[in-house]
């Protein structure tokens, strides 16, 4: 029997940074996958060190009994000039994941982001919030992308994300209200929820029926407070060690775990840290996080037995 009531996996971002490229840049795909297998975890997301060739990737994953659960997809749907191109790219992305046996697509709007929006210039310092037209175009585009995903047997899971136009509780609420619940689901990320100013537990409770995928990430509250006081951007927060794995930061995962257990969540949850693996070794921190999460479940089960 599994130690978790849900499907537990881990993101390769623990070993190799995606937004901070120097983090773990010398780490190989083989090392990442060997560590995941040694941790006893059966799922991961696509990472930049993984081979793009589906046959080679399938071979490497299959040799270790690891499943490719998802892959990040940036979209620029708030600008209608990009929609046709974005949806064509989304279909190709979804077809790749379908062929790999994946179930969900981690999807994030990059319009307005300092780091991800190709229209931004290096001298800008603020994330641009969406105007009314931007919101409307985004919702329409996500609904269409979600229909593409659904037609291929996948779910579009929207990743609310620090440093983007959809990061606060109010922005997440609005996106869920404006999109089709049959086409657009939520990727619930504990760390990005807190970073964006939301209460992770309240967000989970409010939008549970839309959640189809989870990232379990913690936040070092002292580092976040310093970063906010200094007004630094999202990527700088990563470099400063704002994020870490569950049990190593300030989020109380006990109520979150209880809520997931009570609700019967049985989808995938990815363990995430997004920090420098030279200072915080990925496998070691993952082992600690797994022990921490298991201890919460065991304590709750014991309490329930009386």
C-alpha atoms as a PDB file:
ATOM      1  CA  UNK A   1       0.000   0.000   0.000  1.00  0.00           C
ATOM      2  CA  UNK A   2       1.250   3.501  -0.864  1.00  0.00           C
ATOM      3  CA  UNK A   3       2.405   5.831   1.898  1.00  0.00           C
ATOM      4  CA  UNK A   4       0.156   8.517   0.407  1.00  0.00           C
ATOM      5  CA  UNK A   5      -3.528   8.541  -0.519  1.00  0.00           C
ATOM      6  CA  UNK A   6      -2.647  10.464  -3.669  1.00  0.00           C
ATOM      7  CA  UNK A   7      -0.076   9.737  -6.390  1.00  0.00           C
ATOM      8  CA  UNK A   8       3.201  11.227  -5.180  1.00  0.00           C
ATOM      9  CA  UNK A   9       5.828  12.404  -7.632  1.00  0.00           C
ATOM     10  CA  UNK A  10       8.613  14.953  -7.719  1.00  0.00           C
ATOM     11  CA  UNK A  11       9.557  17.768 -10.083  1.00  0.00           C
ATOM     12  CA  UNK A  12      13.048  17.808 -11.671  1.00  0.00           C
ATOM     13  CA  UNK A  13      13.253  21.501 -10.739  1.00  0.00           C
ATOM     14  CA  UNK A  14      14.552  20.257  -7.387  1.00  0.00           C
ATOM     15  CA  UNK A  15      17.746  19.205  -9.208  1.00  0.00           C
ATOM     16  CA  UNK A  16      17.927  21.644 -12.132  1.00  0.00           C
ATOM     17  CA  UNK A  17      16.552  25.182 -12.112  1.00  0.00           C
ATOM     18  CA  UNK A  18      14.220  26.250 -14.884  1.00  0.00           C
ATOM     19  CA  UNK A  19      14.048  29.985 -14.156  1.00  0.00           C
ATOM     20  CA  UNK A  20      17.522  30.177 -12.580  1.00  0.00           C
ATOM     21  CA  UNK A  21      19.619  28.342 -15.117  1.00  0.00           C
ATOM     22  CA  UNK A  22      22.807  28.071 -13.078  1.00  0.00           C
ATOM     23  CA  UNK A  23      21.087  26.009 -10.390  1.00  0.00           C
ATOM     24  CA  UNK A  24      22.182  22.412 -10.946  1.00  0.00           C
ATOM     25  CA  UNK A  25      23.166  23.076 -14.538  1.00  0.00           C
ATOM     26  CA  UNK A  26      25.775  20.275 -14.543  1.00  0.00           C
ATOM     27  CA  UNK A  27      23.276  17.683 -13.314  1.00  0.00           C
ATOM     28  CA  UNK A  28      22.380  14.997 -15.842  1.00  0.00           C
ATOM     29  CA  UNK A  29      19.024  13.526 -16.685  1.00  0.00           C
ATOM     30  CA  UNK A  30      20.298  10.111 -15.593  1.00  0.00           C
ATOM     31  CA  UNK A  31      21.174  11.402 -12.124  1.00  0.00           C
ATOM     32  CA  UNK A  32      17.765  13.028 -11.701  1.00  0.00           C
ATOM     33  CA  UNK A  33      15.879   9.912 -12.749  1.00  0.00           C
ATOM     34  CA  UNK A  34      18.086   7.598 -10.678  1.00  0.00           C
ATOM     35  CA  UNK A  35      17.410   9.755  -7.609  1.00  0.00           C
ATOM     36  CA  UNK A  36      13.658   9.782  -8.280  1.00  0.00           C
ATOM     37  CA  UNK A  37      13.666   6.000  -8.556  1.00  0.00           C
ATOM     38  CA  UNK A  38      15.724   5.681  -5.352  1.00  0.00           C
ATOM     39  CA  UNK A  39      13.156   7.862  -3.575  1.00  0.00           C
ATOM     40  CA  UNK A  40      10.498   5.347  -4.582  1.00  0.00           C
ATOM     41  CA  UNK A  41       8.483   7.896  -6.559  1.00  0.00           C
ATOM     42  CA  UNK A  42       6.741   6.983  -9.776  1.00  0.00           C
ATOM     43  CA  UNK A  43       5.983  10.316 -11.416  1.00  0.00           C
ATOM     44  CA  UNK A  44       7.732  13.454 -12.604  1.00  0.00           C
ATOM     45  CA  UNK A  45       7.351  16.413 -14.928  1.00  0.00           C
ATOM     46  CA  UNK A  46       9.409  17.200 -17.987  1.00  0.00           C
ATOM     47  CA  UNK A  47      12.692  18.947 -17.191  1.00  0.00           C
ATOM     48  CA  UNK A  48      15.117  20.804 -19.412  1.00  0.00           C
ATOM     49  CA  UNK A  49      17.738  18.086 -19.029  1.00  0.00           C
ATOM     50  CA  UNK A  50      15.356  15.394 -20.285  1.00  0.00           C
ATOM     51  CA  UNK A  51      15.643  14.224 -23.916  1.00  0.00           C
ATOM     52  CA  UNK A  52      13.109  15.709 -26.324  1.00  0.00           C
ATOM     53  CA  UNK A  53      13.017  12.530 -28.402  1.00  0.00           C
ATOM     54  CA  UNK A  54       9.900  10.651 -27.205  1.00  0.00           C
ATOM     55  CA  UNK A  55      11.366   7.197 -27.786  1.00  0.00           C
ATOM     56  CA  UNK A  56      14.520   7.952 -25.826  1.00  0.00           C
ATOM     57  CA  UNK A  57      12.559   9.648 -23.043  1.00  0.00           C
ATOM     58  CA  UNK A  58      10.100   6.761 -22.859  1.00  0.00           C
ATOM     59  CA  UNK A  59      12.998   4.320 -22.633  1.00  0.00           C
ATOM     60  CA  UNK A  60      14.715   6.222 -19.815  1.00  0.00           C
ATOM     61  CA  UNK A  61      11.527   6.641 -17.810  1.00  0.00           C
ATOM     62  CA  UNK A  62      10.336   3.097 -18.391  1.00  0.00           C
ATOM     63  CA  UNK A  63      13.632   1.592 -17.216  1.00  0.00           C
ATOM     64  CA  UNK A  64      12.969   3.207 -13.827  1.00  0.00           C
ATOM     65  CA  UNK A  65       9.170   2.768 -13.726  1.00  0.00           C
ATOM     66  CA  UNK A  66       8.638   6.532 -13.768  1.00  0.00           C
ATOM     67  CA  UNK A  67       5.715   8.204 -15.511  1.00  0.00           C
ATOM     68  CA  UNK A  68       5.806  11.602 -17.200  1.00  0.00           C
ATOM     69  CA  UNK A  69       2.832  13.310 -15.567  1.00  0.00           C
ATOM     70  CA  UNK A  70       2.980  16.765 -17.142  1.00  0.00           C
ATOM     71  CA  UNK A  71       5.044  19.452 -18.803  1.00  0.00           C
ATOM     72  CA  UNK A  72       4.959  23.225 -18.314  1.00  0.00           C
ATOM     73  CA  UNK A  73       3.376  25.230 -21.130  1.00  0.00           C
ATOM     74  CA  UNK A  74       3.677  29.004 -21.231  1.00  0.00           C
ATOM     75  CA  UNK A  75       0.865  30.701 -23.147  1.00  0.00           C
ATOM     76  CA  UNK A  76       0.304  34.272 -24.299  1.00  0.00           C
ATOM     77  CA  UNK A  77      -3.458  34.248 -24.754  1.00  0.00           C
ATOM     78  CA  UNK A  78      -4.277  37.621 -23.227  1.00  0.00           C
ATOM     79  CA  UNK A  79      -3.077  39.200 -26.502  1.00  0.00           C
ATOM     80  CA  UNK A  80      -5.379  38.150 -29.372  1.00  0.00           C
ATOM     81  CA  UNK A  81      -2.585  38.721 -31.892  1.00  0.00           C
ATOM     82  CA  UNK A  82      -0.888  35.614 -30.505  1.00  0.00           C
ATOM     83  CA  UNK A  83      -3.919  33.347 -30.117  1.00  0.00           C
ATOM     84  CA  UNK A  84      -3.789  31.362 -33.356  1.00  0.00           C
ATOM     85  CA  UNK A  85      -0.084  30.629 -32.964  1.00  0.00           C
ATOM     86  CA  UNK A  86      -0.442  29.845 -29.269  1.00  0.00           C
ATOM     87  CA  UNK A  87      -3.277  27.380 -29.813  1.00  0.00           C
ATOM     88  CA  UNK A  88      -1.367  25.606 -32.584  1.00  0.00           C
ATOM     89  CA  UNK A  89       1.624  25.281 -30.249  1.00  0.00           C
ATOM     90  CA  UNK A  90      -0.668  24.109 -27.476  1.00  0.00           C
ATOM     91  CA  UNK A  91      -1.990  21.285 -29.638  1.00  0.00           C
ATOM     92  CA  UNK A  92       1.549  20.087 -30.401  1.00  0.00           C
ATOM     93  CA  UNK A  93       2.414  20.264 -26.715  1.00  0.00           C
ATOM     94  CA  UNK A  94      -0.703  18.308 -25.793  1.00  0.00           C
ATOM     95  CA  UNK A  95      -0.026  15.680 -28.452  1.00  0.00           C
ATOM     96  CA  UNK A  96       3.471  15.132 -27.048  1.00  0.00           C
ATOM     97  CA  UNK A  97       2.059  14.638 -23.553  1.00  0.00           C
ATOM     98  CA  UNK A  98      -0.708  12.357 -24.795  1.00  0.00           C
ATOM     99  CA  UNK A  99       1.845  10.188 -26.552  1.00  0.00           C
ATOM    100  CA  UNK A 100       3.861  10.019 -23.322  1.00  0.00           C
ATOM    101  CA  UNK A 101       0.825   8.846 -21.359  1.00  0.00           C
ATOM    102  CA  UNK A 102       0.503  12.081 -19.377  1.00  0.00           C
ATOM    103  CA  UNK A 103      -2.747  13.298 -17.863  1.00  0.00           C
ATOM    104  CA  UNK A 104      -2.457  17.038 -17.210  1.00  0.00           C
ATOM    105  CA  UNK A 105      -0.859  20.091 -18.802  1.00  0.00           C
ATOM    106  CA  UNK A 106       0.713  22.661 -16.482  1.00  0.00           C
ATOM    107  CA  UNK A 107      -0.392  25.884 -18.168  1.00  0.00           C
ATOM    108  CA  UNK A 108       0.513  29.482 -17.308  1.00  0.00           C
ATOM    109  CA  UNK A 109      -0.266  32.830 -18.937  1.00  0.00           C
ATOM    110  CA  UNK A 110       2.929  34.855 -19.352  1.00  0.00           C
ATOM    111  CA  UNK A 111       1.424  38.121 -20.568  1.00  0.00           C
ATOM    112  CA  UNK A 112       2.709  40.906 -18.325  1.00  0.00           C
ATOM    113  CA  UNK A 113       5.426  38.838 -16.666  1.00  0.00           C
ATOM    114  CA  UNK A 114       8.875  40.370 -16.339  1.00  0.00           C
ATOM    115  CA  UNK A 115      10.564  37.039 -16.907  1.00  0.00           C
ATOM    116  CA  UNK A 116       8.380  35.116 -19.330  1.00  0.00           C
ATOM    117  CA  UNK A 117       6.600  37.649 -21.581  1.00  0.00           C
ATOM    118  CA  UNK A 118       8.583  37.995 -24.853  1.00  0.00           C
ATOM    119  CA  UNK A 119       7.194  41.510 -25.342  1.00  0.00           C
ATOM    120  CA  UNK A 120       8.818  42.910 -22.183  1.00  0.00           C
ATOM    121  CA  UNK A 121      12.134  44.786 -22.154  1.00  0.00           C
ATOM    122  CA  UNK A 122      15.049  44.348 -19.706  1.00  0.00           C
ATOM    123  CA  UNK A 123      14.651  47.805 -18.145  1.00  0.00           C
ATOM    124  CA  UNK A 124      11.130  47.107 -16.792  1.00  0.00           C
ATOM    125  CA  UNK A 125      10.604  46.320 -13.111  1.00  0.00           C
ATOM    126  CA  UNK A 126       6.895  45.559 -12.530  1.00  0.00           C
ATOM    127  CA  UNK A 127       4.545  42.751 -13.519  1.00  0.00           C
ATOM    128  CA  UNK A 128       1.807  44.251 -15.691  1.00  0.00           C
ATOM    129  CA  UNK A 129      -1.715  43.345 -14.545  1.00  0.00           C
ATOM    130  CA  UNK A 130      -4.344  42.438 -17.153  1.00  0.00           C
ATOM    131  CA  UNK A 131      -6.891  45.004 -18.294  1.00  0.00           C
ATOM    132  CA  UNK A 132     -10.509  44.040 -19.009  1.00  0.00           C
ATOM    133  CA  UNK A 133      -9.780  43.070 -22.614  1.00  0.00           C
ATOM    134  CA  UNK A 134      -6.791  41.040 -21.486  1.00  0.00           C
ATOM    135  CA  UNK A 135      -8.908  39.088 -19.018  1.00  0.00           C
ATOM    136  CA  UNK A 136     -11.544  38.380 -21.648  1.00  0.00           C
ATOM    137  CA  UNK A 137      -9.048  37.252 -24.255  1.00  0.00           C
ATOM    138  CA  UNK A 138      -7.242  35.079 -21.724  1.00  0.00           C
ATOM    139  CA  UNK A 139     -10.430  33.330 -20.603  1.00  0.00           C
ATOM    140  CA  UNK A 140     -11.524  32.720 -24.179  1.00  0.00           C
ATOM    141  CA  UNK A 141      -8.103  31.407 -25.149  1.00  0.00           C
ATOM    142  CA  UNK A 142      -7.824  29.125 -22.124  1.00  0.00           C
ATOM    143  CA  UNK A 143     -11.271  27.685 -22.801  1.00  0.00           C
ATOM    144  CA  UNK A 144     -10.209  26.863 -26.347  1.00  0.00           C
ATOM    145  CA  UNK A 145      -6.874  25.400 -25.214  1.00  0.00           C
ATOM    146  CA  UNK A 146      -8.744  23.372 -22.621  1.00  0.00           C
ATOM    147  CA  UNK A 147     -11.013  21.946 -25.301  1.00  0.00           C
ATOM    148  CA  UNK A 148      -7.938  20.961 -27.294  1.00  0.00           C
ATOM    149  CA  UNK A 149      -6.515  19.195 -24.240  1.00  0.00           C
ATOM    150  CA  UNK A 150      -9.814  17.490 -23.462  1.00  0.00           C
ATOM    151  CA  UNK A 151     -10.077  16.226 -27.041  1.00  0.00           C
ATOM    152  CA  UNK A 152      -6.719  14.522 -26.581  1.00  0.00           C
ATOM    153  CA  UNK A 153      -7.629  12.968 -23.234  1.00  0.00           C
ATOM    154  CA  UNK A 154      -5.815  15.496 -21.018  1.00  0.00           C
ATOM    155  CA  UNK A 155      -6.765  18.300 -18.650  1.00  0.00           C
ATOM    156  CA  UNK A 156      -5.520  21.870 -18.845  1.00  0.00           C
ATOM    157  CA  UNK A 157      -4.483  22.706 -15.289  1.00  0.00           C
ATOM    158  CA  UNK A 158      -3.844  26.414 -14.790  1.00  0.00           C
ATOM    159  CA  UNK A 159      -0.713  27.127 -12.742  1.00  0.00           C
ATOM    160  CA  UNK A 160      -1.156  30.325 -10.706  1.00  0.00           C
ATOM    161  CA  UNK A 161       2.431  31.510 -10.506  1.00  0.00           C
ATOM    162  CA  UNK A 162       4.588  34.114  -8.829  1.00  0.00           C
ATOM    163  CA  UNK A 163       5.774  36.890 -11.090  1.00  0.00           C
ATOM    164  CA  UNK A 164       2.799  36.585 -13.468  1.00  0.00           C
ATOM    165  CA  UNK A 165      -0.553  38.298 -13.915  1.00  0.00           C
ATOM    166  CA  UNK A 166      -2.388  35.470 -12.120  1.00  0.00           C
ATOM    167  CA  UNK A 167      -0.849  35.080  -8.677  1.00  0.00           C
ATOM    168  CA  UNK A 168      -3.113  36.608  -6.011  1.00  0.00           C
ATOM    169  CA  UNK A 169      -6.186  34.986  -4.492  1.00  0.00           C
ATOM    170  CA  UNK A 170      -8.399  37.544  -6.223  1.00  0.00           C
ATOM    171  CA  UNK A 171      -6.802  36.872  -9.610  1.00  0.00           C
ATOM    172  CA  UNK A 172      -7.159  33.104  -9.170  1.00  0.00           C
ATOM    173  CA  UNK A 173     -10.813  33.548  -8.160  1.00  0.00           C
ATOM    174  CA  UNK A 174     -11.495  35.680 -11.204  1.00  0.00           C
ATOM    175  CA  UNK A 175      -9.827  33.244 -13.574  1.00  0.00           C
ATOM    176  CA  UNK A 176     -11.857  30.348 -12.194  1.00  0.00           C
ATOM    177  CA  UNK A 177     -15.056  32.403 -12.471  1.00  0.00           C
ATOM    178  CA  UNK A 178     -14.377  33.408 -16.076  1.00  0.00           C
ATOM    179  CA  UNK A 179     -13.349  30.011 -17.453  1.00  0.00           C
ATOM    180  CA  UNK A 180     -15.291  26.864 -18.303  1.00  0.00           C
ATOM    181  CA  UNK A 181     -14.989  24.296 -15.465  1.00  0.00           C
ATOM    182  CA  UNK A 182     -15.223  21.507 -18.038  1.00  0.00           C
ATOM    183  CA  UNK A 183     -12.179  22.820 -19.906  1.00  0.00           C
ATOM    184  CA  UNK A 184      -9.988  24.702 -17.413  1.00  0.00           C
ATOM    185  CA  UNK A 185      -8.850  23.138 -14.148  1.00  0.00           C
ATOM    186  CA  UNK A 186      -6.527  24.427 -11.437  1.00  0.00           C
ATOM    187  CA  UNK A 187      -2.977  23.420 -10.642  1.00  0.00           C
ATOM    188  CA  UNK A 188      -2.898  24.129  -6.918  1.00  0.00           C
ATOM    189  CA  UNK A 189       0.580  25.173  -5.779  1.00  0.00           C
ATOM    190  CA  UNK A 190       1.045  25.734  -2.041  1.00  0.00           C
ATOM    191  CA  UNK A 191       4.221  27.798  -2.377  1.00  0.00           C
ATOM    192  CA  UNK A 192       2.989  30.044  -5.163  1.00  0.00           C
ATOM    193  CA  UNK A 193      -0.275  30.541  -3.281  1.00  0.00           C
ATOM    194  CA  UNK A 194       1.567  31.954  -0.272  1.00  0.00           C
ATOM    195  CA  UNK A 195       3.987  33.932  -2.440  1.00  0.00           C
ATOM    196  CA  UNK A 196       1.014  35.537  -4.186  1.00  0.00           C
ATOM    197  CA  UNK A 197      -0.525  36.563  -0.876  1.00  0.00           C
ATOM    198  CA  UNK A 198      -3.165  33.823  -0.617  1.00  0.00           C
ATOM    199  CA  UNK A 199      -3.833  31.498   2.299  1.00  0.00           C
ATOM    200  CA  UNK A 200      -2.931  28.082   0.836  1.00  0.00           C
ATOM    201  CA  UNK A 201      -5.527  26.222   2.901  1.00  0.00           C
ATOM    202  CA  UNK A 202      -8.320  28.684   2.077  1.00  0.00           C
ATOM    203  CA  UNK A 203      -7.417  28.493  -1.620  1.00  0.00           C
ATOM    204  CA  UNK A 204      -7.518  24.699  -1.508  1.00  0.00           C
ATOM    205  CA  UNK A 205     -10.929  24.693   0.156  1.00  0.00           C
ATOM    206  CA  UNK A 206     -12.425  27.314  -2.125  1.00  0.00           C
ATOM    207  CA  UNK A 207     -11.367  25.765  -5.415  1.00  0.00           C
ATOM    208  CA  UNK A 208     -11.034  22.078  -4.570  1.00  0.00           C
ATOM    209  CA  UNK A 209     -13.603  21.022  -7.170  1.00  0.00           C
ATOM    210  CA  UNK A 210     -11.465  22.578  -9.928  1.00  0.00           C
ATOM    211  CA  UNK A 211      -8.145  21.118  -8.729  1.00  0.00           C
ATOM    212  CA  UNK A 212      -6.760  18.393 -10.992  1.00  0.00           C
ATOM    213  CA  UNK A 213      -3.061  18.617 -10.132  1.00  0.00           C
ATOM    214  CA  UNK A 214      -0.938  19.741  -7.177  1.00  0.00           C
ATOM    215  CA  UNK A 215       2.548  21.091  -6.485  1.00  0.00           C
ATOM    216  CA  UNK A 216       3.648  20.817  -2.849  1.00  0.00           C
ATOM    217  CA  UNK A 217       6.148  23.591  -2.145  1.00  0.00           C
ATOM    218  CA  UNK A 218       7.153  25.467   0.999  1.00  0.00           C
ATOM    219  CA  UNK A 219       8.296  29.039   1.636  1.00  0.00           C
ATOM    220  CA  UNK A 220      10.945  30.390   4.000  1.00  0.00           C
ATOM    221  CA  UNK A 221       8.907  33.181   5.514  1.00  0.00           C
ATOM    222  CA  UNK A 222      11.865  35.226   6.744  1.00  0.00           C
ATOM    223  CA  UNK A 223      13.426  35.272   3.299  1.00  0.00           C
ATOM    224  CA  UNK A 224      10.101  36.171   1.712  1.00  0.00           C
ATOM    225  CA  UNK A 225       9.603  39.049   4.148  1.00  0.00           C
ATOM    226  CA  UNK A 226      13.063  40.438   3.327  1.00  0.00           C
ATOM    227  CA  UNK A 227      12.447  40.079  -0.398  1.00  0.00           C
ATOM    228  CA  UNK A 228       9.121  41.889  -0.189  1.00  0.00           C
ATOM    229  CA  UNK A 229      10.647  44.682   1.887  1.00  0.00           C
ATOM    230  CA  UNK A 230      13.300  45.184  -0.768  1.00  0.00           C
ATOM    231  CA  UNK A 231      10.878  44.830  -3.681  1.00  0.00           C
ATOM    232  CA  UNK A 232      12.908  42.164  -5.468  1.00  0.00           C
ATOM    233  CA  UNK A 233      11.461  40.203  -8.380  1.00  0.00           C
ATOM    234  CA  UNK A 234      10.378  36.573  -8.539  1.00  0.00           C
ATOM    235  CA  UNK A 235      13.575  35.111  -9.993  1.00  0.00           C
ATOM    236  CA  UNK A 236      15.665  36.951  -7.402  1.00  0.00           C
ATOM    237  CA  UNK A 237      13.462  35.343  -4.744  1.00  0.00           C
ATOM    238  CA  UNK A 238      14.446  31.924  -6.092  1.00  0.00           C
ATOM    239  CA  UNK A 239      18.123  32.866  -5.958  1.00  0.00           C
ATOM    240  CA  UNK A 240      17.699  34.035  -2.365  1.00  0.00           C
ATOM    241  CA  UNK A 241      16.188  30.742  -1.261  1.00  0.00           C
ATOM    242  CA  UNK A 242      12.626  31.884  -0.658  1.00  0.00           C
ATOM    243  CA  UNK A 243      11.281  28.495  -1.751  1.00  0.00           C
ATOM    244  CA  UNK A 244      11.986  25.055  -0.323  1.00  0.00           C
ATOM    245  CA  UNK A 245      10.389  21.633   0.131  1.00  0.00           C
ATOM    246  CA  UNK A 246       7.496  20.915   2.535  1.00  0.00           C
ATOM    247  CA  UNK A 247       8.578  20.837   6.159  1.00  0.00           C
ATOM    248  CA  UNK A 248      11.536  23.168   5.659  1.00  0.00           C
ATOM    249  CA  UNK A 249       9.613  26.444   5.523  1.00  0.00           C
ATOM    250  CA  UNK A 250       6.754  28.216   7.218  1.00  0.00           C
ATOM    251  CA  UNK A 251       3.659  26.633   5.657  1.00  0.00           C
ATOM    252  CA  UNK A 252       1.692  24.377   7.993  1.00  0.00           C
ATOM    253  CA  UNK A 253       1.017  21.355   5.804  1.00  0.00           C
ATOM    254  CA  UNK A 254      -0.961  19.518   8.473  1.00  0.00           C
ATOM    255  CA  UNK A 255      -4.351  21.107   7.634  1.00  0.00           C
ATOM    256  CA  UNK A 256      -3.578  20.898   3.913  1.00  0.00           C
ATOM    257  CA  UNK A 257      -2.823  17.188   4.126  1.00  0.00           C
ATOM    258  CA  UNK A 258      -5.941  16.634   6.235  1.00  0.00           C
ATOM    259  CA  UNK A 259      -8.086  18.488   3.704  1.00  0.00           C
ATOM    260  CA  UNK A 260      -6.718  16.421   0.824  1.00  0.00           C
ATOM    261  CA  UNK A 261      -7.266  13.190   2.741  1.00  0.00           C
ATOM    262  CA  UNK A 262     -10.776  14.161   3.824  1.00  0.00           C
ATOM    263  CA  UNK A 263     -11.723  15.183   0.293  1.00  0.00           C
ATOM    264  CA  UNK A 264     -10.289  11.971  -1.146  1.00  0.00           C
ATOM    265  CA  UNK A 265      -7.808  13.584  -3.532  1.00  0.00           C
ATOM    266  CA  UNK A 266      -6.200  10.797  -5.549  1.00  0.00           C
ATOM    267  CA  UNK A 267      -4.524  12.681  -8.388  1.00  0.00           C
ATOM    268  CA  UNK A 268      -0.850  13.545  -8.764  1.00  0.00           C
ATOM    269  CA  UNK A 269       1.044  15.792  -6.351  1.00  0.00           C
ATOM    270  CA  UNK A 270       4.595  16.873  -7.177  1.00  0.00           C
ATOM    271  CA  UNK A 271       7.150  17.611  -4.484  1.00  0.00           C
ATOM    272  CA  UNK A 272       8.908  20.903  -5.251  1.00  0.00           C
ATOM    273  CA  UNK A 273      11.650  22.983  -3.718  1.00  0.00           C
ATOM    274  CA  UNK A 274      12.985  25.292  -6.449  1.00  0.00           C
ATOM    275  CA  UNK A 275      16.212  26.200  -4.692  1.00  0.00           C
ATOM    276  CA  UNK A 276      19.942  25.896  -5.292  1.00  0.00           C
ATOM    277  CA  UNK A 277      20.784  22.170  -5.086  1.00  0.00           C
ATOM    278  CA  UNK A 278      24.425  22.990  -4.297  1.00  0.00           C
ATOM    279  CA  UNK A 279      23.269  24.439  -0.964  1.00  0.00           C
ATOM    280  CA  UNK A 280      20.188  22.238  -0.595  1.00  0.00           C
ATOM    281  CA  UNK A 281      20.851  18.777  -2.119  1.00  0.00           C
ATOM    282  CA  UNK A 282      17.748  17.676  -3.979  1.00  0.00           C
ATOM    283  CA  UNK A 283      17.573  14.037  -2.948  1.00  0.00           C
ATOM    284  CA  UNK A 284      18.388  14.748   0.694  1.00  0.00           C
ATOM    285  CA  UNK A 285      15.752  17.472   0.953  1.00  0.00           C
ATOM    286  CA  UNK A 286      13.205  15.311  -0.860  1.00  0.00           C
ATOM    287  CA  UNK A 287      13.800  12.472   1.604  1.00  0.00           C
ATOM    288  CA  UNK A 288      13.191  14.859   4.505  1.00  0.00           C
ATOM    289  CA  UNK A 289      10.031  16.219   2.915  1.00  0.00           C
ATOM    290  CA  UNK A 290       8.634  12.744   2.315  1.00  0.00           C
ATOM    291  CA  UNK A 291       9.311  11.779   5.940  1.00  0.00           C
ATOM    292  CA  UNK A 292       7.598  14.987   7.062  1.00  0.00           C
ATOM    293  CA  UNK A 293       4.495  14.441   4.930  1.00  0.00           C
ATOM    294  CA  UNK A 294       4.261  10.771   5.937  1.00  0.00           C
ATOM    295  CA  UNK A 295       4.505  11.762   9.612  1.00  0.00           C
ATOM    296  CA  UNK A 296       1.559  14.129   9.192  1.00  0.00           C
ATOM    297  CA  UNK A 297      -0.556  11.390   7.666  1.00  0.00           C
ATOM    298  CA  UNK A 298       0.437   8.863  10.327  1.00  0.00           C
ATOM    299  CA  UNK A 299      -0.384  11.314  13.134  1.00  0.00           C
ATOM    300  CA  UNK A 300      -3.760  12.094  11.606  1.00  0.00           C
ATOM    301  CA  UNK A 301      -4.588   8.413  11.134  1.00  0.00           C
ATOM    302  CA  UNK A 302      -3.634   7.699  14.719  1.00  0.00           C
ATOM    303  CA  UNK A 303      -5.802  10.547  15.937  1.00  0.00           C
ATOM    304  CA  UNK A 304      -8.729   9.306  13.869  1.00  0.00           C
ATOM    305  CA  UNK A 305      -8.400   5.794  15.299  1.00  0.00           C
ATOM    306  CA  UNK A 306      -8.634   7.296  18.764  1.00  0.00           C
END
